[in-house]
PDB file of N, CA and C in Angstrom:
ATOM      1  N   MET A   1      28.686  36.260  -9.868  1.00  0.00           N
ATOM      2  CA  MET A   1      28.226  34.898  -9.597  1.00  0.00           C
ATOM      3  C   MET A   1      27.503  34.359 -10.829  1.00  0.00           C
ATOM      4  N   SER A   2      27.847  33.151 -11.249  1.00  0.00           N
ATOM      5  CA  SER A   2      27.214  32.561 -12.426  1.00  0.00           C
ATOM      6  C   SER A   2      25.907  31.870 -12.044  1.00  0.00           C
ATOM      7  N   LEU A   3      25.060  31.677 -13.039  1.00  0.00           N
ATOM      8  CA  LEU A   3      23.790  31.005 -12.822  1.00  0.00           C
ATOM      9  C   LEU A   3      23.998  29.525 -12.524  1.00  0.00           C
ATOM     10  N   HIS A   4      23.077  28.969 -11.786  1.00  0.00           N
ATOM     11  CA  HIS A   4      23.067  27.529 -11.528  1.00  0.00           C
ATOM     12  C   HIS A   4      23.007  26.831 -12.895  1.00  0.00           C
ATOM     13  N   PRO A   5      23.861  25.833 -13.154  1.00  0.00           N
ATOM     14  CA  PRO A   5      23.891  25.166 -14.462  1.00  0.00           C
ATOM     15  C   PRO A   5      22.540  24.608 -14.918  1.00  0.00           C
ATOM     16  N   CYS A   6      21.689  24.236 -13.996  1.00  0.00           N
ATOM     17  CA  CYS A   6      20.392  23.673 -14.379  1.00  0.00           C
ATOM     18  C   CYS A   6      19.477  24.722 -15.020  1.00  0.00           C
ATOM     19  N   LEU A   7      19.710  25.999 -14.731  1.00  0.00           N
ATOM     20  CA  LEU A   7      18.870  27.056 -15.286  1.00  0.00           C
ATOM     21  C   LEU A   7      19.138  27.299 -16.767  1.00  0.00           C
ATOM     22  N   SER A   8      20.187  26.689 -17.288  1.00  0.00           N
ATOM     23  CA  SER A   8      20.433  26.763 -18.721  1.00  0.00           C
ATOM     24  C   SER A   8      20.417  25.365 -19.337  1.00  0.00           C
ATOM     25  N   CYS A   9      19.772  24.432 -18.664  1.00  0.00           N
ATOM     26  CA  CYS A   9      19.759  23.047 -19.137  1.00  0.00           C
ATOM     27  C   CYS A   9      18.329  22.549 -19.327  1.00  0.00           C
ATOM     28  N   GLY A  10      17.755  21.928 -18.304  1.00  0.00           N
ATOM     29  CA  GLY A  10      16.409  21.380 -18.381  1.00  0.00           C
ATOM     30  C   GLY A  10      16.340  20.022 -19.060  1.00  0.00           C
ATOM     31  N   ALA A  11      17.480  19.438 -19.392  1.00  0.00           N
ATOM     32  CA  ALA A  11      17.488  18.169 -20.127  1.00  0.00           C
ATOM     33  C   ALA A  11      16.806  17.042 -19.363  1.00  0.00           C
ATOM     34  N   CYS A  12      16.982  16.986 -18.060  1.00  0.00           N
ATOM     35  CA  CYS A  12      16.351  15.899 -17.290  1.00  0.00           C
ATOM     36  C   CYS A  12      14.826  15.995 -17.360  1.00  0.00           C
ATOM     37  N   CYS A  13      14.305  17.212 -17.453  1.00  0.00           N
ATOM     38  CA  CYS A  13      12.854  17.429 -17.520  1.00  0.00           C
ATOM     39  C   CYS A  13      12.292  17.054 -18.893  1.00  0.00           C
ATOM     40  N   ALA A  14      13.169  16.861 -19.847  1.00  0.00           N
ATOM     41  CA  ALA A  14      12.757  16.504 -21.207  1.00  0.00           C
ATOM     42  C   ALA A  14      13.434  15.204 -21.641  1.00  0.00           C
ATOM     43  N   HIS A  15      13.671  14.317 -20.659  1.00  0.00           N
ATOM     44  CA  HIS A  15      14.304  13.035 -20.968  1.00  0.00           C
ATOM     45  C   HIS A  15      13.682  11.870 -20.195  1.00  0.00           C
ATOM     46  N   PHE A  16      13.346  12.081 -18.938  1.00  0.00           N
ATOM     47  CA  PHE A  16      12.865  11.002 -18.073  1.00  0.00           C
ATOM     48  C   PHE A  16      11.364  11.090 -17.821  1.00  0.00           C
ATOM     49  N   ARG A  17      10.750   9.920 -17.569  1.00  0.00           N
ATOM     50  CA  ARG A  17       9.389   9.927 -17.042  1.00  0.00           C
ATOM     51  C   ARG A  17       9.499  10.228 -15.556  1.00  0.00           C
ATOM     52  N   VAL A  18       8.744  11.179 -15.093  1.00  0.00           N
ATOM     53  CA  VAL A  18       8.781  11.574 -13.683  1.00  0.00           C
ATOM     54  C   VAL A  18       7.593  10.919 -12.985  1.00  0.00           C
ATOM     55  N   SER A  19       7.834   9.749 -12.387  1.00  0.00           N
ATOM     56  CA  SER A  19       6.803   8.981 -11.692  1.00  0.00           C
ATOM     57  C   SER A  19       6.926   9.168 -10.195  1.00  0.00           C
ATOM     58  N   PHE A  20       5.791   9.175  -9.508  1.00  0.00           N
ATOM     59  CA  PHE A  20       5.794   9.383  -8.068  1.00  0.00           C
ATOM     60  C   PHE A  20       4.495   8.867  -7.459  1.00  0.00           C
ATOM     61  N   TYR A  21       4.489   8.699  -6.143  1.00  0.00           N
ATOM     62  CA  TYR A  21       3.300   8.264  -5.406  1.00  0.00           C
ATOM     63  C   TYR A  21       2.195   9.280  -5.635  1.00  0.00           C
ATOM     64  N   TRP A  22       1.013   8.815  -5.978  1.00  0.00           N
ATOM     65  CA  TRP A  22      -0.089   9.671  -6.398  1.00  0.00           C
ATOM     66  C   TRP A  22      -0.471  10.754  -5.387  1.00  0.00           C
ATOM     67  N   ALA A  23      -0.187  10.539  -4.104  1.00  0.00           N
ATOM     68  CA  ALA A  23      -0.623  11.497  -3.081  1.00  0.00           C
ATOM     69  C   ALA A  23       0.391  12.605  -2.797  1.00  0.00           C
ATOM     70  N   GLU A  24       1.492  12.650  -3.547  1.00  0.00           N
ATOM     71  CA  GLU A  24       2.431  13.755  -3.341  1.00  0.00           C
ATOM     72  C   GLU A  24       1.716  15.073  -3.644  1.00  0.00           C
ATOM     73  N   PRO A  25       2.087  16.126  -2.940  1.00  0.00           N
ATOM     74  CA  PRO A  25       1.402  17.416  -3.128  1.00  0.00           C
ATOM     75  C   PRO A  25       1.844  18.166  -4.394  1.00  0.00           C
ATOM     76  N   VAL A  26       1.544  17.574  -5.536  1.00  0.00           N
ATOM     77  CA  VAL A  26       1.853  18.146  -6.842  1.00  0.00           C
ATOM     78  C   VAL A  26       0.511  18.583  -7.447  1.00  0.00           C
ATOM     79  N   PRO A  27       0.451  19.729  -8.125  1.00  0.00           N
ATOM     80  CA  PRO A  27      -0.826  20.137  -8.732  1.00  0.00           C
ATOM     81  C   PRO A  27      -1.406  19.028  -9.611  1.00  0.00           C
ATOM     82  N   GLU A  28      -2.565  18.539  -9.235  1.00  0.00           N
ATOM     83  CA  GLU A  28      -3.178  17.386  -9.895  1.00  0.00           C
ATOM     84  C   GLU A  28      -3.412  17.607 -11.385  1.00  0.00           C
ATOM     85  N   ALA A  29      -3.708  18.823 -11.780  1.00  0.00           N
ATOM     86  CA  ALA A  29      -3.970  19.120 -13.193  1.00  0.00           C
ATOM     87  C   ALA A  29      -2.736  18.897 -14.068  1.00  0.00           C
ATOM     88  N   LEU A  30      -1.566  18.815 -13.448  1.00  0.00           N
ATOM     89  CA  LEU A  30      -0.321  18.622 -14.199  1.00  0.00           C
ATOM     90  C   LEU A  30       0.168  17.178 -14.175  1.00  0.00           C
ATOM     91  N   THR A  31      -0.669  16.272 -13.664  1.00  0.00           N
ATOM     92  CA  THR A  31      -0.254  14.875 -13.539  1.00  0.00           C
ATOM     93  C   THR A  31      -1.146  13.952 -14.357  1.00  0.00           C
ATOM     94  N   GLU A  32      -0.621  12.743 -14.607  1.00  0.00           N
ATOM     95  CA  GLU A  32      -1.373  11.675 -15.260  1.00  0.00           C
ATOM     96  C   GLU A  32      -1.283  10.442 -14.380  1.00  0.00           C
ATOM     97  N   LYS A  33      -2.359   9.708 -14.289  1.00  0.00           N
ATOM     98  CA  LYS A  33      -2.374   8.479 -13.494  1.00  0.00           C
ATOM     99  C   LYS A  33      -1.710   7.360 -14.288  1.00  0.00           C
ATOM    100  N   ILE A  34      -0.811   6.621 -13.636  1.00  0.00           N
ATOM    101  CA  ILE A  34      -0.137   5.480 -14.259  1.00  0.00           C
ATOM    102  C   ILE A  34      -0.746   4.176 -13.758  1.00  0.00           C
ATOM    103  N   SER A  35      -1.011   4.137 -12.453  1.00  0.00           N
ATOM    104  CA  SER A  35      -1.583   2.959 -11.800  1.00  0.00           C
ATOM    105  C   SER A  35      -2.364   3.460 -10.595  1.00  0.00           C
ATOM    106  N   PRO A  36      -2.986   2.558  -9.840  1.00  0.00           N
ATOM    107  CA  PRO A  36      -3.712   3.027  -8.661  1.00  0.00           C
ATOM    108  C   PRO A  36      -2.843   3.793  -7.657  1.00  0.00           C
ATOM    109  N   PHE A  37      -1.534   3.566  -7.687  1.00  0.00           N
ATOM    110  CA  PHE A  37      -0.672   4.205  -6.699  1.00  0.00           C
ATOM    111  C   PHE A  37       0.360   5.163  -7.292  1.00  0.00           C
ATOM    112  N   LEU A  38       0.492   5.190  -8.607  1.00  0.00           N
ATOM    113  CA  LEU A  38       1.513   6.030  -9.239  1.00  0.00           C
ATOM    114  C   LEU A  38       0.911   7.036 -10.201  1.00  0.00           C
ATOM    115  N   SER A  39       1.502   8.211 -10.201  1.00  0.00           N
ATOM    116  CA  SER A  39       1.202   9.247 -11.183  1.00  0.00           C
ATOM    117  C   SER A  39       2.516   9.655 -11.826  1.00  0.00           C
ATOM    118  N   CYS A  40       2.419  10.423 -12.893  1.00  0.00           N
ATOM    119  CA  CYS A  40       3.615  11.007 -13.489  1.00  0.00           C
ATOM    120  C   CYS A  40       3.273  12.421 -13.939  1.00  0.00           C
ATOM    121  N   MET A  41       4.293  13.212 -14.135  1.00  0.00           N
ATOM    122  CA  MET A  41       4.068  14.563 -14.641  1.00  0.00           C
ATOM    123  C   MET A  41       3.614  14.444 -16.093  1.00  0.00           C
ATOM    124  N   LYS A  42       2.583  15.210 -16.460  1.00  0.00           N
ATOM    125  CA  LYS A  42       2.107  15.204 -17.835  1.00  0.00           C
ATOM    126  C   LYS A  42       3.262  15.517 -18.769  1.00  0.00           C
ATOM    127  N   GLY A  43       3.286  14.829 -19.873  1.00  0.00           N
ATOM    128  CA  GLY A  43       4.306  15.039 -20.889  1.00  0.00           C
ATOM    129  C   GLY A  43       5.512  14.136 -20.740  1.00  0.00           C
ATOM    130  N   THR A  44       5.758  13.629 -19.526  1.00  0.00           N
ATOM    131  CA  THR A  44       6.963  12.822 -19.329  1.00  0.00           C
ATOM    132  C   THR A  44       6.751  11.357 -19.685  1.00  0.00           C
ATOM    133  N   GLY A  45       5.517  10.952 -19.903  1.00  0.00           N
ATOM    134  CA  GLY A  45       5.233   9.568 -20.264  1.00  0.00           C
ATOM    135  C   GLY A  45       5.409   9.280 -21.745  1.00  0.00           C
ATOM    136  N   ASP A  46       5.658  10.306 -22.543  1.00  0.00           N
ATOM    137  CA  ASP A  46       5.868  10.139 -23.979  1.00  0.00           C
ATOM    138  C   ASP A  46       7.281   9.630 -24.219  1.00  0.00           C
ATOM    139  N   ALA A  47       7.413   8.353 -24.571  1.00  0.00           N
ATOM    140  CA  ALA A  47       8.737   7.737 -24.711  1.00  0.00           C
ATOM    141  C   ALA A  47       9.572   8.356 -25.831  1.00  0.00           C
ATOM    142  N   MET A  48       8.939   8.842 -26.872  1.00  0.00           N
ATOM    143  CA  MET A  48       9.672   9.390 -28.018  1.00  0.00           C
ATOM    144  C   MET A  48      10.165  10.819 -27.767  1.00  0.00           C
ATOM    145  N   SER A  49       9.351  11.631 -27.141  1.00  0.00           N
ATOM    146  CA  SER A  49       9.755  13.023 -26.899  1.00  0.00           C
ATOM    147  C   SER A  49       9.178  13.521 -25.576  1.00  0.00           C
ATOM    148  N   PRO A  50       9.688  12.984 -24.468  1.00  0.00           N
ATOM    149  CA  PRO A  50       9.175  13.414 -23.173  1.00  0.00           C
ATOM    150  C   PRO A  50       9.536  14.868 -22.885  1.00  0.00           C
ATOM    151  N   ARG A  51       8.620  15.570 -22.249  1.00  0.00           N
ATOM    152  CA  ARG A  51       8.892  16.932 -21.792  1.00  0.00           C
ATOM    153  C   ARG A  51       7.859  17.252 -20.726  1.00  0.00           C
ATOM    154  N   CYS A  52       8.332  17.557 -19.556  1.00  0.00           N
ATOM    155  CA  CYS A  52       7.448  17.864 -18.441  1.00  0.00           C
ATOM    156  C   CYS A  52       6.642  19.122 -18.737  1.00  0.00           C
ATOM    157  N   VAL A  53       5.362  19.055 -18.458  1.00  0.00           N
ATOM    158  CA  VAL A  53       4.455  20.174 -18.676  1.00  0.00           C
ATOM    159  C   VAL A  53       4.851  21.391 -17.825  1.00  0.00           C
ATOM    160  N   ALA A  54       5.569  21.169 -16.733  1.00  0.00           N
ATOM    161  CA  ALA A  54       5.966  22.275 -15.850  1.00  0.00           C
ATOM    162  C   ALA A  54       7.274  22.943 -16.281  1.00  0.00           C
ATOM    163  N   LEU A  55       7.921  22.401 -17.313  1.00  0.00           N
ATOM    164  CA  LEU A  55       9.168  22.994 -17.793  1.00  0.00           C
ATOM    165  C   LEU A  55       8.848  24.155 -18.725  1.00  0.00           C
ATOM    166  N   GLU A  56       9.394  25.301 -18.416  1.00  0.00           N
ATOM    167  CA  GLU A  56       9.201  26.487 -19.246  1.00  0.00           C
ATOM    168  C   GLU A  56      10.549  26.905 -19.834  1.00  0.00           C
ATOM    169  N   GLY A  57      10.559  27.229 -21.114  1.00  0.00           N
ATOM    170  CA  GLY A  57      11.783  27.682 -21.761  1.00  0.00           C
ATOM    171  C   GLY A  57      12.350  26.642 -22.694  1.00  0.00           C
ATOM    172  N   GLY A  58      13.534  26.929 -23.211  1.00  0.00           N
ATOM    173  CA  GLY A  58      14.181  26.058 -24.174  1.00  0.00           C
ATOM    174  C   GLY A  58      15.300  25.248 -23.549  1.00  0.00           C
ATOM    175  N   VAL A  59      15.244  23.941 -23.727  1.00  0.00           N
ATOM    176  CA  VAL A  59      16.288  23.059 -23.201  1.00  0.00           C
ATOM    177  C   VAL A  59      17.633  23.487 -23.778  1.00  0.00           C
ATOM    178  N   GLY A  60      18.598  23.648 -22.891  1.00  0.00           N
ATOM    179  CA  GLY A  60      19.937  24.043 -23.298  1.00  0.00           C
ATOM    180  C   GLY A  60      20.120  25.546 -23.407  1.00  0.00           C
ATOM    181  N   ALA A  61      19.070  26.301 -23.141  1.00  0.00           N
ATOM    182  CA  ALA A  61      19.156  27.759 -23.264  1.00  0.00           C
ATOM    183  C   ALA A  61      18.835  28.425 -21.924  1.00  0.00           C
ATOM    184  N   SER A  62      17.556  28.520 -21.642  1.00  0.00           N
ATOM    185  CA  SER A  62      17.110  29.141 -20.391  1.00  0.00           C
ATOM    186  C   SER A  62      15.796  28.475 -19.999  1.00  0.00           C
ATOM    187  N   VAL A  63      15.773  27.846 -18.834  1.00  0.00           N
ATOM    188  CA  VAL A  63      14.597  27.097 -18.398  1.00  0.00           C
ATOM    189  C   VAL A  63      14.274  27.390 -16.938  1.00  0.00           C
ATOM    190  N   ARG A  64      13.050  27.033 -16.580  1.00  0.00           N
ATOM    191  CA  ARG A  64      12.645  27.076 -15.174  1.00  0.00           C
ATOM    192  C   ARG A  64      11.483  26.121 -14.978  1.00  0.00           C
ATOM    193  N   CYS A  65      11.347  25.655 -13.742  1.00  0.00           N
ATOM    194  CA  CYS A  65      10.231  24.788 -13.357  1.00  0.00           C
ATOM    195  C   CYS A  65       9.130  25.697 -12.825  1.00  0.00           C
ATOM    196  N   THR A  66       7.963  25.624 -13.437  1.00  0.00           N
ATOM    197  CA  THR A  66       6.867  26.494 -13.018  1.00  0.00           C
ATOM    198  C   THR A  66       6.231  26.061 -11.699  1.00  0.00           C
ATOM    199  N   ILE A  67       6.574  24.867 -11.220  1.00  0.00           N
ATOM    200  CA  ILE A  67       6.047  24.399  -9.926  1.00  0.00           C
ATOM    201  C   ILE A  67       7.198  24.013  -8.994  1.00  0.00           C
ATOM    202  N   TYR A  68       8.312  24.711  -9.076  1.00  0.00           N
ATOM    203  CA  TYR A  68       9.520  24.339  -8.350  1.00  0.00           C
ATOM    204  C   TYR A  68       9.256  24.003  -6.881  1.00  0.00           C
ATOM    205  N   GLU A  69       8.513  24.814  -6.176  1.00  0.00           N
ATOM    206  CA  GLU A  69       8.244  24.561  -4.753  1.00  0.00           C
ATOM    207  C   GLU A  69       7.319  23.370  -4.541  1.00  0.00           C
ATOM    208  N   GLU A  70       6.580  22.958  -5.570  1.00  0.00           N
ATOM    209  CA  GLU A  70       5.636  21.838  -5.458  1.00  0.00           C
ATOM    210  C   GLU A  70       6.071  20.631  -6.291  1.00  0.00           C
ATOM    211  N   ARG A  71       7.295  20.632  -6.783  1.00  0.00           N
ATOM    212  CA  ARG A  71       7.760  19.545  -7.650  1.00  0.00           C
ATOM    213  C   ARG A  71       7.783  18.223  -6.879  1.00  0.00           C
ATOM    214  N   PRO A  72       7.632  17.106  -7.585  1.00  0.00           N
ATOM    215  CA  PRO A  72       7.596  15.799  -6.924  1.00  0.00           C
ATOM    216  C   PRO A  72       8.970  15.336  -6.442  1.00  0.00           C
ATOM    217  N   GLY A  73       8.940  14.319  -5.609  1.00  0.00           N
ATOM    218  CA  GLY A  73      10.142  13.758  -5.006  1.00  0.00           C
ATOM    219  C   GLY A  73      11.263  13.424  -5.974  1.00  0.00           C
ATOM    220  N   PRO A  74      10.968  12.753  -7.117  1.00  0.00           N
ATOM    221  CA  PRO A  74      12.069  12.431  -8.028  1.00  0.00           C
ATOM    222  C   PRO A  74      12.812  13.676  -8.523  1.00  0.00           C
ATOM    223  N   CYS A  75      12.102  14.760  -8.704  1.00  0.00           N
ATOM    224  CA  CYS A  75      12.743  16.006  -9.139  1.00  0.00           C
ATOM    225  C   CYS A  75      13.578  16.602  -8.009  1.00  0.00           C
ATOM    226  N   ARG A  76      13.070  16.504  -6.799  1.00  0.00           N
ATOM    227  CA  ARG A  76      13.800  17.040  -5.638  1.00  0.00           C
ATOM    228  C   ARG A  76      15.089  16.269  -5.374  1.00  0.00           C
ATOM    229  N   SER A  77      15.073  14.976  -5.645  1.00  0.00           N
ATOM    230  CA  SER A  77      16.245  14.159  -5.320  1.00  0.00           C
ATOM    231  C   SER A  77      17.245  14.035  -6.466  1.00  0.00           C
ATOM    232  N   PHE A  78      16.860  14.446  -7.666  1.00  0.00           N
ATOM    233  CA  PHE A  78      17.767  14.330  -8.819  1.00  0.00           C
ATOM    234  C   PHE A  78      18.864  15.386  -8.698  1.00  0.00           C
ATOM    235  N   GLU A  79      20.105  14.933  -8.748  1.00  0.00           N
ATOM    236  CA  GLU A  79      21.238  15.857  -8.674  1.00  0.00           C
ATOM    237  C   GLU A  79      21.957  15.905 -10.010  1.00  0.00           C
ATOM    238  N   ALA A  80      22.298  17.111 -10.408  1.00  0.00           N
ATOM    239  CA  ALA A  80      23.082  17.282 -11.629  1.00  0.00           C
ATOM    240  C   ALA A  80      24.488  16.742 -11.390  1.00  0.00           C
ATOM    241  N   SER A  81      25.147  16.357 -12.472  1.00  0.00           N
ATOM    242  CA  SER A  81      26.525  15.878 -12.345  1.00  0.00           C
ATOM    243  C   SER A  81      27.389  16.903 -11.626  1.00  0.00           C
ATOM    244  N   TRP A  82      28.112  16.437 -10.660  1.00  0.00           N
ATOM    245  CA  TRP A  82      29.086  17.187  -9.866  1.00  0.00           C
ATOM    246  C   TRP A  82      28.462  18.204  -8.917  1.00  0.00           C
ATOM    247  N   GLU A  83      27.143  18.305  -8.880  1.00  0.00           N
ATOM    248  CA  GLU A  83      26.501  19.253  -7.961  1.00  0.00           C
ATOM    249  C   GLU A  83      26.867  18.946  -6.516  1.00  0.00           C
ATOM    250  N   ALA A  84      26.923  17.655  -6.191  1.00  0.00           N
ATOM    251  CA  ALA A  84      27.278  17.228  -4.838  1.00  0.00           C
ATOM    252  C   ALA A  84      28.669  16.594  -4.820  1.00  0.00           C
ATOM    253  N   GLY A  85      29.475  16.907  -5.842  1.00  0.00           N
ATOM    254  CA  GLY A  85      30.835  16.394  -5.889  1.00  0.00           C
ATOM    255  C   GLY A  85      30.998  15.056  -6.577  1.00  0.00           C
ATOM    256  N   GLU A  86      29.912  14.519  -7.160  1.00  0.00           N
ATOM    257  CA  GLU A  86      29.976  13.238  -7.856  1.00  0.00           C
ATOM    258  C   GLU A  86      29.301  13.336  -9.218  1.00  0.00           C
ATOM    259  N   GLN A  87      29.818  12.568 -10.157  1.00  0.00           N
ATOM    260  CA  GLN A  87      29.223  12.513 -11.481  1.00  0.00           C
ATOM    261  C   GLN A  87      27.888  11.783 -11.409  1.00  0.00           C
ATOM    262  N   ASN A  88      26.905  12.229 -12.176  1.00  0.00           N
ATOM    263  CA  ASN A  88      25.621  11.549 -12.272  1.00  0.00           C
ATOM    264  C   ASN A  88      25.430  11.122 -13.725  1.00  0.00           C
ATOM    265  N   PRO A  89      25.628   9.829 -14.033  1.00  0.00           N
ATOM    266  CA  PRO A  89      25.497   9.350 -15.409  1.00  0.00           C
ATOM    267  C   PRO A  89      24.114   9.616 -16.006  1.00  0.00           C
ATOM    268  N   ARG A  90      23.088   9.662 -15.181  1.00  0.00           N
ATOM    269  CA  ARG A  90      21.737   9.937 -15.693  1.00  0.00           C
ATOM    270  C   ARG A  90      21.629  11.385 -16.175  1.00  0.00           C
ATOM    271  N   CYS A  91      22.254  12.304 -15.469  1.00  0.00           N
ATOM    272  CA  CYS A  91      22.304  13.702 -15.901  1.00  0.00           C
ATOM    273  C   CYS A  91      23.058  13.787 -17.227  1.00  0.00           C
ATOM    274  N   ASP A  92      24.195  13.122 -17.286  1.00  0.00           N
ATOM    275  CA  ASP A  92      25.009  13.142 -18.510  1.00  0.00           C
ATOM    276  C   ASP A  92      24.219  12.593 -19.697  1.00  0.00           C
ATOM    277  N   ALA A  93      23.453  11.515 -19.492  1.00  0.00           N
ATOM    278  CA  ALA A  93      22.663  10.911 -20.569  1.00  0.00           C
ATOM    279  C   ALA A  93      21.564  11.853 -21.048  1.00  0.00           C
ATOM    280  N   ALA A  94      20.903  12.517 -20.122  1.00  0.00           N
ATOM    281  CA  ALA A  94      19.850  13.464 -20.490  1.00  0.00           C
ATOM    282  C   ALA A  94      20.431  14.621 -21.291  1.00  0.00           C
ATOM    283  N   ARG A  95      21.562  15.129 -20.844  1.00  0.00           N
ATOM    284  CA  ARG A  95      22.212  16.235 -21.562  1.00  0.00           C
ATOM    285  C   ARG A  95      22.645  15.783 -22.959  1.00  0.00           C
ATOM    286  N   ALA A  96      23.201  14.579 -23.070  1.00  0.00           N
ATOM    287  CA  ALA A  96      23.648  14.071 -24.371  1.00  0.00           C
ATOM    288  C   ALA A  96      22.486  13.954 -25.349  1.00  0.00           C
ATOM    289  N   ARG A  97      21.326  13.526 -24.871  1.00  0.00           N
ATOM    290  CA  ARG A  97      20.151  13.383 -25.741  1.00  0.00           C
ATOM    291  C   ARG A  97      19.776  14.715 -26.387  1.00  0.00           C
ATOM    292  N   HIS A  98      20.115  15.799 -25.711  1.00  0.00           N
ATOM    293  CA  HIS A  98      19.781  17.135 -26.220  1.00  0.00           C
ATOM    294  C   HIS A  98      20.995  17.852 -26.805  1.00  0.00           C
ATOM    295  N   GLY A  99      22.058  17.087 -27.050  1.00  0.00           N
ATOM    296  CA  GLY A  99      23.235  17.655 -27.685  1.00  0.00           C
ATOM    297  C   GLY A  99      24.077  18.537 -26.779  1.00  0.00           C
ATOM    298  N   LEU A 100      23.932  18.366 -25.473  1.00  0.00           N
ATOM    299  CA  LEU A 100      24.690  19.160 -24.509  1.00  0.00           C
ATOM    300  C   LEU A 100      25.844  18.337 -23.953  1.00  0.00           C
ATOM    301  N   SER A 101      26.953  18.975 -23.706  1.00  0.00           N
ATOM    302  CA  SER A 101      28.089  18.264 -23.131  1.00  0.00           C
ATOM    303  C   SER A 101      27.834  18.011 -21.640  1.00  0.00           C
ATOM    304  N   PRO A 102      28.481  16.994 -21.083  1.00  0.00           N
ATOM    305  CA  PRO A 102      28.310  16.709 -19.654  1.00  0.00           C
ATOM    306  C   PRO A 102      28.798  17.891 -18.809  1.00  0.00           C
ATOM    307  N   LEU A 103      28.195  18.039 -17.651  1.00  0.00           N
ATOM    308  CA  LEU A 103      28.678  19.046 -16.708  1.00  0.00           C
ATOM    309  C   LEU A 103      30.007  18.576 -16.129  1.00  0.00           C
ATOM    310  N   SER A 104      30.808  19.511 -15.683  1.00  0.00           N
ATOM    311  CA  SER A 104      32.084  19.178 -15.056  1.00  0.00           C
ATOM    312  C   SER A 104      32.156  19.858 -13.692  1.00  0.00           C
ATOM    313  N   ARG A 105      33.185  19.537 -12.946  1.00  0.00           N
ATOM    314  CA  ARG A 105      33.377  20.181 -11.645  1.00  0.00           C
ATOM    315  C   ARG A 105      33.474  21.693 -11.793  1.00  0.00           C
ATOM    316  N   GLN A 106      34.056  22.155 -12.894  1.00  0.00           N
ATOM    317  CA  GLN A 106      34.243  23.594 -13.120  1.00  0.00           C
ATOM    318  C   GLN A 106      32.911  24.322 -13.292  1.00  0.00           C
ATOM    319  N   ASP A 107      31.860  23.613 -13.703  1.00  0.00           N
ATOM    320  CA  ASP A 107      30.558  24.252 -13.851  1.00  0.00           C
ATOM    321  C   ASP A 107      29.967  24.686 -12.508  1.00  0.00           C
ATOM    322  N   TRP A 108      30.535  24.183 -11.425  1.00  0.00           N
ATOM    323  CA  TRP A 108      30.010  24.481 -10.090  1.00  0.00           C
ATOM    324  C   TRP A 108      30.902  25.450  -9.322  1.00  0.00           C
ATOM    325  N   SER A 109      31.912  26.021  -9.965  1.00  0.00           N
ATOM    326  CA  SER A 109      32.794  26.943  -9.246  1.00  0.00           C
ATOM    327  C   SER A 109      32.362  28.379  -9.445  1.00  0.00           C
TER     328      SER A 109
END
């Protein structure tokens, strides 16, 4: 059995700002306040080189989320391309930013 493609990627964690309702059960020490109602994961607000503080490892090599069970809603709902049988252009864009090719249906077999 091959590894889940996301375990050798992590591009989304180093491409997007991860914003969420401030009261989500995410470790507070790993968040930054954006507004009275929004927080984001530390590191993801940097427009030039975003990288979530909870991402461990090298993008495109071997990664893991150190708070996987406590990750915020946007992380829980983000699907990799073809994971659910459909392409996700946002996944493809994140991978491209890090020099990775888009995932294909074959990556999930």
